[in-house]
Amino acid sequence: MRKGYAKAAQILGRAGTQYRPVDGFTAVAEPHAFPKLAFDVGASFSGERPPNWGVVTRYMLSDCLDDTVVGDVLVCGAQTFFVAAIDPIAPVLCVACDQMVSVSAVSGSSGVVVSGCPAAIVLRSKGESAQSGVPGSVRPGQFVLYLPCLPGVILRPYMTVTSNTGATYTINSAEKSAWGLRCVMSLQQV
């Protein structure tokens, strides 16, 4: 299967750059390889439909699949992705990144734990009335942050995430899995 995917990537793909993060500060520091990459929203690579709003997963074909691991960051044209899952008989599952983020520890702890890392930030739920009794108060929307596997990085509640757009978020809950890091966050409004 992998040889077939590699041939398909050579036909359908475009030149890309592959990075292999070794910590929270080197996600896109040193190129690891320069594969041909092809992405699609469906595992069949039919190219029949565009990505859906709020859906960050894409399937990927590469001519360097034997040298691809979960957590690798892939840049192809103006798009950035990270590898979330590798299956021996299916195309690689990636997450499309739309921002670069830094993560700071809570005050009193050691400072920045992630810097300049590609990430996907998606609105999960809209704000609603918090019924706090304060006139005009609203609950901020909830966002989900997806980050690649970053060796040695553990995110915790109350850490601060700052994106390249200038938005600042507070982590409410964090999960580290074989797919990467996923956090639920609130937008800081002040």
N, C-alpha and C. Protein backbone atom coordinates (compact mmCIF):
# COMPACT_ATOMS: atom_id res chain seq x y z
N MET A 1 0.82 -1.20 0.00
CA MET A 1 0.00 0.00 0.00
C MET A 1 0.86 1.26 0.00
N ARG A 2 1.90 1.25 0.84
CA ARG A 2 2.72 2.45 0.95
C ARG A 2 3.41 2.81 -0.36
N LYS A 3 3.83 1.81 -1.13
CA LYS A 3 4.46 2.09 -2.42
C LYS A 3 3.46 2.74 -3.37
N GLY A 4 2.23 2.27 -3.32
CA GLY A 4 1.18 2.88 -4.14
C GLY A 4 0.89 4.31 -3.73
N TYR A 5 0.85 4.57 -2.41
CA TYR A 5 0.64 5.93 -1.93
C TYR A 5 1.80 6.83 -2.34
N ALA A 6 3.02 6.31 -2.30
CA ALA A 6 4.19 7.09 -2.69
C ALA A 6 4.11 7.46 -4.17
N LYS A 7 3.69 6.51 -5.01
CA LYS A 7 3.55 6.81 -6.45
C LYS A 7 2.45 7.85 -6.68
N ALA A 8 1.34 7.71 -5.96
CA ALA A 8 0.25 8.68 -6.08
C ALA A 8 0.71 10.07 -5.64
N ALA A 9 1.51 10.14 -4.58
CA ALA A 9 2.03 11.43 -4.11
C ALA A 9 2.94 12.06 -5.15
N GLN A 10 3.73 11.25 -5.84
CA GLN A 10 4.62 11.79 -6.87
C GLN A 10 3.82 12.36 -8.04
N ILE A 11 2.64 11.81 -8.29
CA ILE A 11 1.81 12.31 -9.39
C ILE A 11 0.94 13.49 -8.95
N LEU A 12 0.25 13.35 -7.80
CA LEU A 12 -0.69 14.36 -7.33
C LEU A 12 -0.05 15.45 -6.49
N GLY A 13 1.09 15.14 -5.87
CA GLY A 13 1.64 16.01 -4.85
C GLY A 13 2.41 17.22 -5.35
N ARG A 14 2.71 18.07 -4.38
CA ARG A 14 3.55 19.25 -4.60
C ARG A 14 4.73 19.16 -3.65
N ALA A 15 5.78 19.88 -3.97
CA ALA A 15 6.96 19.90 -3.12
C ALA A 15 6.60 20.46 -1.74
N GLY A 16 7.10 19.81 -0.70
CA GLY A 16 6.83 20.25 0.66
C GLY A 16 8.08 20.18 1.51
N THR A 17 7.94 20.64 2.74
CA THR A 17 9.02 20.57 3.71
C THR A 17 8.49 19.87 4.95
N GLN A 18 9.27 18.94 5.47
CA GLN A 18 8.90 18.15 6.64
C GLN A 18 9.82 18.53 7.79
N TYR A 19 9.22 18.83 8.95
CA TYR A 19 9.98 19.16 10.15
C TYR A 19 9.67 18.11 11.21
N ARG A 20 10.63 17.86 12.09
CA ARG A 20 10.43 16.92 13.18
C ARG A 20 10.74 17.64 14.50
N PRO A 21 9.70 18.08 15.23
CA PRO A 21 9.92 18.78 16.50
C PRO A 21 10.64 17.90 17.53
N VAL A 22 11.58 18.49 18.25
CA VAL A 22 12.26 17.77 19.33
C VAL A 22 11.90 18.35 20.70
N ASP A 23 11.22 19.49 20.71
CA ASP A 23 10.75 20.10 21.95
C ASP A 23 9.71 21.16 21.58
N GLY A 24 9.28 21.96 22.54
CA GLY A 24 8.26 22.97 22.30
C GLY A 24 8.75 24.22 21.60
N PHE A 25 10.04 24.28 21.30
CA PHE A 25 10.60 25.49 20.69
C PHE A 25 11.12 25.26 19.28
N THR A 26 11.11 24.03 18.79
CA THR A 26 11.72 23.73 17.49
C THR A 26 10.76 23.06 16.51
N ALA A 27 9.49 23.42 16.56
CA ALA A 27 8.51 22.75 15.69
C ALA A 27 8.83 22.94 14.22
N VAL A 28 9.30 24.11 13.85
CA VAL A 28 9.64 24.37 12.45
C VAL A 28 11.03 24.99 12.34
N ALA A 29 11.97 24.49 13.12
CA ALA A 29 13.31 25.08 13.14
C ALA A 29 14.21 24.55 12.04
N GLU A 30 14.34 23.26 11.94
CA GLU A 30 15.31 22.63 11.02
C GLU A 30 14.58 21.64 10.11
N PRO A 31 14.61 21.83 8.78
CA PRO A 31 13.95 20.87 7.89
C PRO A 31 14.51 19.46 8.06
N HIS A 32 13.62 18.49 8.04
CA HIS A 32 14.00 17.08 8.18
C HIS A 32 14.05 16.39 6.82
N ALA A 33 13.11 16.76 5.94
CA ALA A 33 13.05 16.15 4.60
C ALA A 33 12.25 17.08 3.68
N PHE A 34 12.27 16.74 2.39
CA PHE A 34 11.57 17.54 1.38
C PHE A 34 10.72 16.62 0.50
N PRO A 35 9.61 16.09 1.05
CA PRO A 35 8.79 15.12 0.31
C PRO A 35 7.83 15.80 -0.66
N LYS A 36 7.26 14.99 -1.54
CA LYS A 36 6.11 15.41 -2.35
C LYS A 36 4.89 15.07 -1.52
N LEU A 37 3.96 16.02 -1.37
CA LEU A 37 2.81 15.87 -0.50
C LEU A 37 1.51 16.15 -1.24
N ALA A 38 0.49 15.36 -0.96
CA ALA A 38 -0.85 15.58 -1.49
C ALA A 38 -1.84 15.47 -0.33
N PHE A 39 -2.78 16.41 -0.25
CA PHE A 39 -3.77 16.44 0.83
C PHE A 39 -5.18 16.43 0.26
N ASP A 40 -6.11 15.81 0.97
CA ASP A 40 -7.52 15.82 0.59
C ASP A 40 -8.36 15.62 1.84
N VAL A 41 -9.64 16.03 1.76
CA VAL A 41 -10.53 15.87 2.91
C VAL A 41 -11.04 14.44 3.04
N GLY A 42 -10.96 13.67 1.98
CA GLY A 42 -11.40 12.28 2.01
C GLY A 42 -10.25 11.32 1.79
N ALA A 43 -10.33 10.16 2.42
CA ALA A 43 -9.25 9.18 2.29
C ALA A 43 -9.16 8.60 0.88
N SER A 44 -10.21 8.78 0.07
CA SER A 44 -10.19 8.25 -1.30
C SER A 44 -9.46 9.17 -2.28
N PHE A 45 -9.15 10.39 -1.85
CA PHE A 45 -8.45 11.38 -2.69
C PHE A 45 -9.18 11.62 -4.01
N SER A 46 -10.50 11.75 -3.92
CA SER A 46 -11.31 12.00 -5.11
C SER A 46 -11.27 13.47 -5.52
N GLY A 47 -10.96 14.36 -4.58
CA GLY A 47 -10.93 15.79 -4.87
C GLY A 47 -12.30 16.36 -5.17
N GLU A 48 -13.35 15.67 -4.74
CA GLU A 48 -14.71 16.07 -5.07
C GLU A 48 -15.25 17.23 -4.24
N ARG A 49 -14.70 17.45 -3.07
CA ARG A 49 -15.28 18.51 -2.24
C ARG A 49 -14.18 19.25 -1.49
N PRO A 50 -14.46 20.51 -1.17
CA PRO A 50 -13.50 21.31 -0.41
C PRO A 50 -13.60 20.98 1.08
N PRO A 51 -12.65 21.44 1.87
CA PRO A 51 -12.74 21.23 3.33
C PRO A 51 -14.00 21.89 3.90
N ASN A 52 -14.59 21.27 4.91
CA ASN A 52 -15.76 21.84 5.59
C ASN A 52 -15.33 22.84 6.64
N TRP A 53 -16.21 23.78 6.92
CA TRP A 53 -15.97 24.80 7.93
C TRP A 53 -15.76 24.14 9.29
N GLY A 54 -14.69 24.48 9.97
CA GLY A 54 -14.44 23.97 11.32
C GLY A 54 -13.89 22.56 11.38
N VAL A 55 -13.68 21.91 10.24
CA VAL A 55 -13.11 20.56 10.22
C VAL A 55 -11.63 20.69 9.86
N VAL A 56 -10.78 20.29 10.78
CA VAL A 56 -9.34 20.53 10.59
C VAL A 56 -8.57 19.31 10.10
N THR A 57 -9.23 18.16 9.99
CA THR A 57 -8.50 16.96 9.56
C THR A 57 -8.42 16.86 8.05
N ARG A 58 -7.28 16.36 7.58
CA ARG A 58 -7.03 16.11 6.16
C ARG A 58 -6.27 14.79 6.05
N TYR A 59 -6.40 14.14 4.92
CA TYR A 59 -5.62 12.94 4.65
C TYR A 59 -4.44 13.33 3.77
N MET A 60 -3.32 12.62 3.95
CA MET A 60 -2.10 12.99 3.27
C MET A 60 -1.44 11.79 2.63
N LEU A 61 -0.91 12.01 1.44
CA LEU A 61 -0.05 11.04 0.76
C LEU A 61 1.33 11.68 0.65
N SER A 62 2.37 10.87 0.80
CA SER A 62 3.74 11.36 0.73
C SER A 62 4.62 10.32 0.07
N ASP A 63 5.64 10.79 -0.61
CA ASP A 63 6.60 9.85 -1.18
C ASP A 63 7.69 9.48 -0.17
N CYS A 64 7.55 9.98 1.08
CA CYS A 64 8.50 9.66 2.17
C CYS A 64 7.76 9.09 3.37
N LEU A 65 6.77 8.24 3.15
CA LEU A 65 5.98 7.72 4.27
C LEU A 65 6.80 6.90 5.25
N ASP A 66 7.84 6.23 4.78
CA ASP A 66 8.66 5.43 5.69
C ASP A 66 9.45 6.29 6.67
N ASP A 67 9.57 7.58 6.38
CA ASP A 67 10.29 8.50 7.26
C ASP A 67 9.34 9.56 7.83
N THR A 68 8.08 9.18 8.03
CA THR A 68 7.08 10.09 8.59
C THR A 68 6.60 9.52 9.91
N VAL A 69 6.57 10.37 10.96
CA VAL A 69 6.11 9.94 12.28
C VAL A 69 5.05 10.91 12.78
N VAL A 70 4.24 10.44 13.73
CA VAL A 70 3.24 11.30 14.36
C VAL A 70 3.97 12.47 15.01
N GLY A 71 3.45 13.67 14.78
CA GLY A 71 4.05 14.89 15.31
C GLY A 71 4.83 15.67 14.28
N ASP A 72 5.19 15.05 13.16
CA ASP A 72 5.90 15.79 12.11
C ASP A 72 5.05 16.95 11.63
N VAL A 73 5.70 18.07 11.35
CA VAL A 73 5.04 19.25 10.80
C VAL A 73 5.36 19.30 9.31
N LEU A 74 4.33 19.50 8.50
CA LEU A 74 4.47 19.50 7.05
C LEU A 74 4.03 20.85 6.50
N VAL A 75 4.87 21.46 5.68
CA VAL A 75 4.53 22.72 5.04
C VAL A 75 4.49 22.46 3.54
N CYS A 76 3.36 22.81 2.93
CA CYS A 76 3.17 22.59 1.49
C CYS A 76 2.52 23.85 0.93
N GLY A 77 3.28 24.63 0.18
CA GLY A 77 2.77 25.91 -0.29
C GLY A 77 2.55 26.83 0.90
N ALA A 78 1.37 27.43 0.96
CA ALA A 78 1.04 28.33 2.07
C ALA A 78 0.35 27.61 3.22
N GLN A 79 0.21 26.30 3.14
CA GLN A 79 -0.51 25.54 4.16
C GLN A 79 0.46 24.78 5.06
N THR A 80 0.07 24.67 6.33
CA THR A 80 0.86 23.93 7.32
C THR A 80 -0.04 22.88 7.96
N PHE A 81 0.52 21.69 8.18
CA PHE A 81 -0.21 20.57 8.77
C PHE A 81 0.69 19.90 9.79
N PHE A 82 0.09 19.10 10.69
CA PHE A 82 0.90 18.19 11.47
C PHE A 82 0.30 16.79 11.39
N VAL A 83 1.15 15.79 11.49
CA VAL A 83 0.73 14.40 11.39
C VAL A 83 0.12 13.97 12.72
N ALA A 84 -1.15 13.50 12.67
CA ALA A 84 -1.85 13.09 13.89
C ALA A 84 -1.91 11.58 14.05
N ALA A 85 -1.99 10.84 12.94
CA ALA A 85 -2.09 9.38 13.04
C ALA A 85 -1.58 8.74 11.75
N ILE A 86 -0.91 7.60 11.94
CA ILE A 86 -0.39 6.84 10.80
C ILE A 86 -0.93 5.43 10.90
N ASP A 87 -1.55 4.99 9.83
CA ASP A 87 -2.10 3.64 9.74
C ASP A 87 -1.34 2.92 8.62
N PRO A 88 -1.01 1.65 8.80
CA PRO A 88 -0.22 0.97 7.77
C PRO A 88 -0.93 0.81 6.43
N ILE A 89 -2.27 0.83 6.41
CA ILE A 89 -2.95 0.62 5.13
C ILE A 89 -3.85 1.78 4.69
N ALA A 90 -3.91 2.85 5.45
CA ALA A 90 -4.74 4.01 5.09
C ALA A 90 -3.84 5.24 4.94
N PRO A 91 -4.33 6.25 4.23
CA PRO A 91 -3.55 7.49 4.16
C PRO A 91 -3.33 8.09 5.55
N VAL A 92 -2.30 8.88 5.69
CA VAL A 92 -1.94 9.50 6.96
C VAL A 92 -2.97 10.58 7.31
N LEU A 93 -3.37 10.64 8.58
CA LEU A 93 -4.30 11.66 9.06
C LEU A 93 -3.51 12.85 9.57
N CYS A 94 -3.84 14.04 9.08
CA CYS A 94 -3.15 15.26 9.48
C CYS A 94 -4.16 16.28 10.00
N VAL A 95 -3.65 17.29 10.68
CA VAL A 95 -4.45 18.42 11.14
C VAL A 95 -3.94 19.66 10.41
N ALA A 96 -4.87 20.40 9.79
CA ALA A 96 -4.53 21.63 9.09
C ALA A 96 -4.39 22.75 10.12
N CYS A 97 -3.25 23.41 10.12
CA CYS A 97 -2.96 24.46 11.10
C CYS A 97 -3.26 25.83 10.48
N ASP A 98 -3.86 26.71 11.28
CA ASP A 98 -4.18 28.04 10.78
C ASP A 98 -3.50 29.15 11.57
N GLN A 99 -2.77 28.79 12.62
CA GLN A 99 -2.12 29.81 13.44
C GLN A 99 -0.80 29.29 13.99
N MET A 100 0.01 30.21 14.47
CA MET A 100 1.24 29.88 15.20
C MET A 100 1.00 30.34 16.63
N VAL A 101 1.34 29.49 17.61
CA VAL A 101 1.04 29.83 19.00
C VAL A 101 2.27 29.70 19.89
N SER A 102 2.18 30.39 21.01
CA SER A 102 3.12 30.23 22.12
C SER A 102 2.28 29.93 23.35
N VAL A 103 2.83 29.14 24.26
CA VAL A 103 2.13 28.79 25.49
C VAL A 103 3.02 29.14 26.67
N SER A 104 2.45 29.88 27.62
CA SER A 104 3.17 30.29 28.82
C SER A 104 2.59 29.60 30.04
N ALA A 105 3.47 29.25 30.95
CA ALA A 105 3.04 28.62 32.21
C ALA A 105 2.35 29.66 33.08
N VAL A 106 1.60 29.17 34.06
CA VAL A 106 0.95 30.07 35.00
C VAL A 106 2.00 30.84 35.77
N SER A 107 1.66 32.04 36.22
CA SER A 107 2.64 32.87 36.92
C SER A 107 3.21 32.12 38.12
N GLY A 108 4.46 32.33 38.36
CA GLY A 108 5.15 31.64 39.43
C GLY A 108 5.87 30.39 38.95
N SER A 109 5.54 29.94 37.75
CA SER A 109 6.20 28.76 37.17
C SER A 109 7.22 29.23 36.14
N SER A 110 7.90 28.27 35.55
CA SER A 110 8.84 28.63 34.50
C SER A 110 8.06 29.14 33.30
N GLY A 111 8.52 30.19 32.65
CA GLY A 111 7.87 30.94 31.58
C GLY A 111 7.28 30.18 30.42
N VAL A 112 7.79 30.43 29.24
CA VAL A 112 7.24 29.89 28.00
C VAL A 112 7.60 28.42 27.86
N VAL A 113 6.59 27.58 27.51
CA VAL A 113 6.83 26.15 27.32
C VAL A 113 6.71 25.73 25.86
N VAL A 114 6.03 26.55 25.05
CA VAL A 114 5.91 26.33 23.61
C VAL A 114 6.05 27.68 22.94
N SER A 115 6.80 27.72 21.84
CA SER A 115 6.98 28.98 21.12
C SER A 115 7.00 28.74 19.62
N GLY A 116 6.23 29.53 18.88
CA GLY A 116 6.22 29.46 17.42
C GLY A 116 5.81 28.12 16.86
N CYS A 117 4.79 27.51 17.43
CA CYS A 117 4.36 26.18 17.01
C CYS A 117 3.08 26.27 16.17
N PRO A 118 3.02 25.58 15.03
CA PRO A 118 1.79 25.55 14.25
C PRO A 118 0.67 24.88 15.04
N ALA A 119 -0.54 25.44 14.91
CA ALA A 119 -1.68 24.92 15.67
C ALA A 119 -2.96 25.18 14.90
N ALA A 120 -3.99 24.43 15.26
CA ALA A 120 -5.34 24.69 14.77
C ALA A 120 -6.16 25.13 15.98
N ILE A 121 -6.89 26.23 15.82
CA ILE A 121 -7.79 26.71 16.86
C ILE A 121 -9.17 26.81 16.25
N VAL A 122 -10.14 26.10 16.86
CA VAL A 122 -11.49 26.01 16.32
C VAL A 122 -12.49 26.40 17.40
N LEU A 123 -13.49 27.21 17.02
CA LEU A 123 -14.57 27.55 17.94
C LEU A 123 -15.41 26.31 18.21
N ARG A 124 -15.55 25.97 19.49
CA ARG A 124 -16.33 24.79 19.87
C ARG A 124 -17.75 25.16 20.25
N SER A 125 -17.91 26.21 21.06
CA SER A 125 -19.25 26.65 21.44
C SER A 125 -19.23 28.15 21.62
N LYS A 126 -20.36 28.76 21.30
CA LYS A 126 -20.47 30.21 21.39
C LYS A 126 -20.72 30.62 22.83
N GLY A 127 -20.41 31.87 23.14
CA GLY A 127 -20.69 32.39 24.47
C GLY A 127 -22.19 32.47 24.72
N GLU A 128 -22.55 32.44 25.96
CA GLU A 128 -23.95 32.55 26.33
C GLU A 128 -24.02 33.26 27.66
N SER A 129 -25.19 33.63 28.08
CA SER A 129 -25.36 34.33 29.34
C SER A 129 -24.86 33.48 30.50
N ALA A 130 -24.04 34.07 31.34
CA ALA A 130 -23.49 33.34 32.47
C ALA A 130 -24.36 33.46 33.71
N GLN A 131 -25.39 34.32 33.66
CA GLN A 131 -26.28 34.54 34.79
C GLN A 131 -25.51 34.88 36.05
N SER A 132 -24.50 35.75 35.90
CA SER A 132 -23.67 36.12 37.05
C SER A 132 -24.30 37.23 37.88
N GLY A 133 -25.34 37.86 37.35
CA GLY A 133 -25.95 38.97 38.07
C GLY A 133 -25.35 40.31 37.66
N VAL A 134 -24.25 40.30 36.94
CA VAL A 134 -23.64 41.54 36.48
C VAL A 134 -24.29 41.90 35.14
N PRO A 135 -24.87 43.10 35.03
CA PRO A 135 -25.52 43.47 33.78
C PRO A 135 -24.56 43.39 32.59
N GLY A 136 -25.02 42.76 31.52
CA GLY A 136 -24.23 42.69 30.30
C GLY A 136 -23.15 41.63 30.28
N SER A 137 -23.02 40.85 31.36
CA SER A 137 -21.95 39.85 31.37
C SER A 137 -22.30 38.68 30.45
N VAL A 138 -21.31 38.21 29.72
CA VAL A 138 -21.49 37.05 28.86
C VAL A 138 -20.36 36.08 29.09
N ARG A 139 -20.66 34.83 28.87
CA ARG A 139 -19.64 33.80 28.97
C ARG A 139 -18.86 33.78 27.66
N PRO A 140 -17.54 33.72 27.73
CA PRO A 140 -16.77 33.69 26.49
C PRO A 140 -16.96 32.37 25.77
N GLY A 141 -16.76 32.38 24.46
CA GLY A 141 -16.84 31.16 23.68
C GLY A 141 -15.74 30.19 24.08
N GLN A 142 -15.96 28.93 23.80
CA GLN A 142 -14.97 27.89 24.06
C GLN A 142 -14.28 27.53 22.74
N PHE A 143 -12.98 27.37 22.79
CA PHE A 143 -12.20 27.03 21.61
C PHE A 143 -11.43 25.74 21.87
N VAL A 144 -11.13 25.01 20.81
CA VAL A 144 -10.30 23.81 20.92
C VAL A 144 -8.99 24.09 20.20
N LEU A 145 -7.90 23.79 20.89
CA LEU A 145 -6.54 23.95 20.35
C LEU A 145 -5.98 22.57 20.04
N TYR A 146 -5.46 22.40 18.84
CA TYR A 146 -4.79 21.16 18.45
C TYR A 146 -3.32 21.48 18.18
N LEU A 147 -2.43 20.76 18.85
CA LEU A 147 -0.99 20.92 18.66
C LEU A 147 -0.38 19.56 18.35
N PRO A 148 0.74 19.54 17.62
CA PRO A 148 1.41 18.26 17.36
C PRO A 148 2.02 17.69 18.64
N CYS A 149 2.38 16.42 18.61
CA CYS A 149 3.13 15.82 19.72
C CYS A 149 4.44 16.58 19.85
N LEU A 150 4.68 17.13 21.01
CA LEU A 150 5.90 17.88 21.27
C LEU A 150 6.61 17.20 22.44
N PRO A 151 7.74 16.53 22.19
CA PRO A 151 8.44 15.82 23.26
C PRO A 151 8.73 16.74 24.46
N GLY A 152 8.42 16.24 25.64
CA GLY A 152 8.71 16.97 26.88
C GLY A 152 7.71 18.05 27.24
N VAL A 153 6.68 18.26 26.43
CA VAL A 153 5.71 19.33 26.70
C VAL A 153 4.45 18.73 27.31
N ILE A 154 4.07 19.28 28.46
CA ILE A 154 2.81 18.92 29.11
C ILE A 154 2.07 20.22 29.38
N LEU A 155 0.85 20.33 28.86
CA LEU A 155 0.05 21.53 29.08
C LEU A 155 -0.92 21.28 30.21
N ARG A 156 -1.21 22.35 30.96
CA ARG A 156 -2.06 22.25 32.13
C ARG A 156 -3.09 23.38 32.12
N PRO A 157 -4.19 23.20 32.87
CA PRO A 157 -5.16 24.29 32.99
C PRO A 157 -4.51 25.56 33.52
N TYR A 158 -5.05 26.67 33.09
CA TYR A 158 -4.65 28.03 33.47
C TYR A 158 -3.39 28.52 32.75
N MET A 159 -2.78 27.69 31.92
CA MET A 159 -1.68 28.20 31.09
C MET A 159 -2.29 29.16 30.06
N THR A 160 -1.46 30.05 29.54
CA THR A 160 -1.90 31.06 28.58
C THR A 160 -1.39 30.73 27.19
N VAL A 161 -2.30 30.76 26.21
CA VAL A 161 -1.96 30.53 24.81
C VAL A 161 -2.10 31.86 24.08
N THR A 162 -1.06 32.25 23.35
CA THR A 162 -1.10 33.47 22.56
C THR A 162 -0.87 33.10 21.10
N SER A 163 -1.77 33.55 20.23
CA SER A 163 -1.65 33.22 18.81
C SER A 163 -1.01 34.37 18.05
N ASN A 164 -0.58 34.08 16.84
CA ASN A 164 0.04 35.11 16.01
C ASN A 164 -0.98 36.17 15.58
N THR A 165 -2.27 35.94 15.79
CA THR A 165 -3.29 36.94 15.48
C THR A 165 -3.45 37.94 16.62
N GLY A 166 -2.78 37.70 17.75
CA GLY A 166 -2.86 38.58 18.90
C GLY A 166 -3.88 38.13 19.93
N ALA A 167 -4.67 37.12 19.63
CA ALA A 167 -5.66 36.62 20.59
C ALA A 167 -4.95 35.86 21.71
N THR A 168 -5.49 35.98 22.92
CA THR A 168 -4.94 35.29 24.08
C THR A 168 -6.04 34.44 24.70
N TYR A 169 -5.69 33.21 25.04
CA TYR A 169 -6.64 32.24 25.57
C TYR A 169 -6.11 31.68 26.89
N THR A 170 -7.03 31.17 27.72
CA THR A 170 -6.67 30.46 28.94
C THR A 170 -7.09 29.00 28.77
N ILE A 171 -6.17 28.08 29.04
CA ILE A 171 -6.49 26.65 28.92
C ILE A 171 -7.39 26.24 30.07
N ASN A 172 -8.53 25.61 29.73
CA ASN A 172 -9.45 25.09 30.74
C ASN A 172 -9.16 23.62 31.04
N SER A 173 -8.87 22.85 30.01
CA SER A 173 -8.52 21.45 30.18
C SER A 173 -7.56 21.06 29.07
N ALA A 174 -6.71 20.09 29.35
CA ALA A 174 -5.69 19.68 28.38
C ALA A 174 -5.59 18.16 28.35
N GLU A 175 -5.33 17.65 27.16
CA GLU A 175 -5.19 16.21 26.96
C GLU A 175 -3.97 15.96 26.08
N LYS A 176 -3.13 15.02 26.50
CA LYS A 176 -2.01 14.59 25.69
C LYS A 176 -2.27 13.15 25.29
N SER A 177 -2.25 12.88 23.99
CA SER A 177 -2.51 11.52 23.51
C SER A 177 -1.50 11.17 22.44
N ALA A 178 -1.64 9.99 21.88
CA ALA A 178 -0.75 9.56 20.80
C ALA A 178 -0.95 10.42 19.56
N TRP A 179 -2.06 11.14 19.46
CA TRP A 179 -2.35 11.99 18.30
C TRP A 179 -1.74 13.38 18.43
N GLY A 180 -1.46 13.82 19.64
CA GLY A 180 -0.94 15.16 19.87
C GLY A 180 -1.53 15.74 21.14
N LEU A 181 -1.56 17.06 21.19
CA LEU A 181 -2.10 17.78 22.34
C LEU A 181 -3.42 18.44 21.94
N ARG A 182 -4.42 18.32 22.81
CA ARG A 182 -5.71 18.95 22.56
C ARG A 182 -6.14 19.66 23.83
N CYS A 183 -6.55 20.91 23.69
CA CYS A 183 -6.96 21.71 24.85
C CYS A 183 -8.27 22.40 24.56
N VAL A 184 -9.09 22.54 25.59
CA VAL A 184 -10.27 23.39 25.54
C VAL A 184 -9.86 24.70 26.20
N MET A 185 -10.16 25.82 25.52
CA MET A 185 -9.69 27.12 26.00
C MET A 185 -10.82 28.14 25.98
N SER A 186 -10.64 29.19 26.79
CA SER A 186 -11.53 30.35 26.77
C SER A 186 -10.74 31.55 26.29
N LEU A 187 -11.38 32.38 25.49
CA LEU A 187 -10.75 33.60 25.00
C LEU A 187 -10.68 34.61 26.14
N GLN A 188 -9.50 35.18 26.35
CA GLN A 188 -9.37 36.22 27.37
C GLN A 188 -9.93 37.50 26.78
N GLN A 189 -10.90 38.10 27.47
CA GLN A 189 -11.59 39.27 26.93
C GLN A 189 -11.06 40.58 27.46
N VAL A 190 -10.16 40.54 28.40
CA VAL A 190 -9.64 41.79 28.97
C VAL A 190 -8.18 41.92 28.64
